Amino acid sequence: MIVFSVVSGLALGRSTAVDTAPVTPVLPKTDDARDMGGLDIVNAWPRILAPFVASVVPGPGGRTPLFLLGAALAGLGALAPKRVRGVR
């Protein structure tokens, strides 16, 4: 369990840094702190909603619907950046 906690913490820290690095140069220069706070809120929503969804989705099919939903949402998340055409 300790090894899992260490690996999970390192992975989360790395992914957060990799996700935040490309965003920070394009933030408006007027109020960086407010925009970084908004970015943090957006990044926290999946961790807030996941336990609730995980308690509602599984039914008679066991955990299979939950994993299918997770795969579908991951696919949508992977396609979302394709709509970004550029930075103003």
C-alpha atoms as a PDB file:
ATOM      1  CA  MET A   1       0.000   0.000   0.000  1.00  0.00           C
ATOM      2  CA  ILE A   2       2.869   2.364   0.751  1.00  0.00           C
ATOM      3  CA  VAL A   3       4.461   1.649  -2.622  1.00  0.00           C
ATOM      4  CA  PHE A   4       1.121   2.297  -4.335  1.00  0.00           C
ATOM      5  CA  SER A   5       0.744   5.592  -2.469  1.00  0.00           C
ATOM      6  CA  VAL A   6       4.220   6.727  -3.483  1.00  0.00           C
ATOM      7  CA  VAL A   7       3.775   5.753  -7.137  1.00  0.00           C
ATOM      8  CA  SER A   8       0.289   7.267  -7.275  1.00  0.00           C
ATOM      9  CA  GLY A   9       1.472  10.525  -5.710  1.00  0.00           C
ATOM     10  CA  LEU A  10       4.397  10.794  -8.125  1.00  0.00           C
ATOM     11  CA  ALA A  11       2.136  10.079 -11.103  1.00  0.00           C
ATOM     12  CA  LEU A  12      -0.426  12.663 -10.013  1.00  0.00           C
ATOM     13  CA  GLY A  13       2.255  15.287  -9.440  1.00  0.00           C
ATOM     14  CA  ARG A  14       3.825  14.596 -12.819  1.00  0.00           C
ATOM     15  CA  SER A  15       0.535  14.692 -14.704  1.00  0.00           C
ATOM     16  CA  THR A  16      -0.513  17.899 -12.962  1.00  0.00           C
ATOM     17  CA  ALA A  17       2.770  19.566 -13.897  1.00  0.00           C
ATOM     18  CA  VAL A  18       2.535  18.349 -17.492  1.00  0.00           C
ATOM     19  CA  ASP A  19      -1.076  19.568 -17.770  1.00  0.00           C
ATOM     20  CA  THR A  20      -0.349  22.964 -16.219  1.00  0.00           C
ATOM     21  CA  ALA A  21       2.863  23.791 -18.094  1.00  0.00           C
ATOM     22  CA  PRO A  22       1.321  24.429 -21.540  1.00  0.00           C
ATOM     23  CA  VAL A  23      -1.576  26.425 -20.060  1.00  0.00           C
ATOM     24  CA  THR A  24       0.328  28.989 -18.032  1.00  0.00           C
ATOM     25  CA  PRO A  25       1.946  30.864 -20.952  1.00  0.00           C
ATOM     26  CA  VAL A  26      -1.444  31.585 -22.533  1.00  0.00           C
ATOM     27  CA  LEU A  27      -3.167  32.968 -19.435  1.00  0.00           C
ATOM     28  CA  PRO A  28      -4.062  36.649 -19.554  1.00  0.00           C
ATOM     29  CA  LYS A  29      -1.421  38.710 -17.757  1.00  0.00           C
ATOM     30  CA  THR A  30      -3.958  40.776 -15.821  1.00  0.00           C
ATOM     31  CA  ASP A  31      -4.848  38.293 -13.094  1.00  0.00           C
ATOM     32  CA  ASP A  32      -2.785  35.099 -13.219  1.00  0.00           C
ATOM     33  CA  ALA A  33      -3.761  34.006  -9.694  1.00  0.00           C
ATOM     34  CA  ARG A  34      -7.485  34.035 -10.466  1.00  0.00           C
ATOM     35  CA  ASP A  35      -6.981  32.093 -13.695  1.00  0.00           C
ATOM     36  CA  MET A  36      -4.749  29.517 -12.009  1.00  0.00           C
ATOM     37  CA  GLY A  37      -7.440  29.104  -9.335  1.00  0.00           C
ATOM     38  CA  GLY A  38     -10.023  28.461 -12.049  1.00  0.00           C
ATOM     39  CA  LEU A  39      -7.706  25.925 -13.640  1.00  0.00           C
ATOM     40  CA  ASP A  40      -7.323  24.169 -10.298  1.00  0.00           C
ATOM     41  CA  ILE A  41     -11.101  24.006  -9.841  1.00  0.00           C
ATOM     42  CA  VAL A  42     -11.545  22.517 -13.311  1.00  0.00           C
ATOM     43  CA  ASN A  43      -8.867  19.912 -12.593  1.00  0.00           C
ATOM     44  CA  ALA A  44     -10.513  18.991  -9.276  1.00  0.00           C
ATOM     45  CA  TRP A  45     -14.023  18.313 -10.628  1.00  0.00           C
ATOM     46  CA  PRO A  46     -13.305  14.771 -11.856  1.00  0.00           C
ATOM     47  CA  ARG A  47     -11.877  13.823  -8.456  1.00  0.00           C
ATOM     48  CA  ILE A  48     -14.926  15.333  -6.760  1.00  0.00           C
ATOM     49  CA  LEU A  49     -17.537  13.682  -8.978  1.00  0.00           C
ATOM     50  CA  ALA A  50     -15.918  10.257  -9.512  1.00  0.00           C
ATOM     51  CA  PRO A  51     -16.897   8.726  -6.136  1.00  0.00           C
ATOM     52  CA  PHE A  52     -20.514   9.803  -6.585  1.00  0.00           C
ATOM     53  CA  VAL A  53     -20.690   8.449 -10.144  1.00  0.00           C
ATOM     54  CA  ALA A  54     -18.999   5.217  -9.044  1.00  0.00           C
ATOM     55  CA  SER A  55     -21.678   4.719  -6.400  1.00  0.00           C
ATOM     56  CA  VAL A  56     -24.540   5.306  -8.832  1.00  0.00           C
ATOM     57  CA  VAL A  57     -23.451   3.634 -12.081  1.00  0.00           C
ATOM     58  CA  PRO A  58     -22.781  -0.005 -11.117  1.00  0.00           C
ATOM     59  CA  GLY A  59     -25.904  -2.096 -11.213  1.00  0.00           C
ATOM     60  CA  PRO A  60     -26.725  -5.686 -12.012  1.00  0.00           C
ATOM     61  CA  GLY A  61     -23.817  -5.788 -14.482  1.00  0.00           C
ATOM     62  CA  GLY A  62     -21.291  -5.303 -11.698  1.00  0.00           C
ATOM     63  CA  ARG A  63     -18.474  -2.908 -12.428  1.00  0.00           C
ATOM     64  CA  THR A  64     -18.562  -3.348 -16.205  1.00  0.00           C
ATOM     65  CA  PRO A  65     -20.836  -0.313 -16.835  1.00  0.00           C
ATOM     66  CA  LEU A  66     -18.539   1.810 -14.692  1.00  0.00           C
ATOM     67  CA  PHE A  67     -15.470   0.836 -16.716  1.00  0.00           C
ATOM     68  CA  LEU A  68     -17.330   1.391 -19.995  1.00  0.00           C
ATOM     69  CA  LEU A  69     -18.399   4.845 -18.813  1.00  0.00           C
ATOM     70  CA  GLY A  70     -14.827   5.603 -17.782  1.00  0.00           C
ATOM     71  CA  ALA A  71     -13.529   4.522 -21.189  1.00  0.00           C
ATOM     72  CA  ALA A  72     -16.136   6.652 -22.985  1.00  0.00           C
ATOM     73  CA  LEU A  73     -15.340   9.714 -20.879  1.00  0.00           C
ATOM     74  CA  ALA A  74     -11.601   9.205 -21.397  1.00  0.00           C
ATOM     75  CA  GLY A  75     -12.194   9.062 -25.148  1.00  0.00           C
ATOM     76  CA  LEU A  76     -14.214  12.284 -25.055  1.00  0.00           C
ATOM     77  CA  GLY A  77     -11.520  13.915 -22.969  1.00  0.00           C
ATOM     78  CA  ALA A  78      -8.880  12.889 -25.491  1.00  0.00           C
ATOM     79  CA  LEU A  79     -10.901  14.409 -28.336  1.00  0.00           C
ATOM     80  CA  ALA A  80     -11.724  17.687 -26.555  1.00  0.00           C
ATOM     81  CA  PRO A  81      -8.399  19.458 -27.309  1.00  0.00           C
ATOM     82  CA  LYS A  82      -8.908  18.913 -31.048  1.00  0.00           C
ATOM     83  CA  ARG A  83     -11.519  21.687 -30.984  1.00  0.00           C
ATOM     84  CA  VAL A  84      -8.941  24.212 -29.810  1.00  0.00           C
ATOM     85  CA  ARG A  85      -7.750  26.044 -32.904  1.00  0.00           C
ATOM     86  CA  GLY A  86      -5.273  28.409 -31.373  1.00  0.00           C
ATOM     87  CA  VAL A  87      -4.571  31.050 -28.799  1.00  0.00           C
ATOM     88  CA  ARG A  88      -5.833  34.592 -29.082  1.00  0.00           C
END
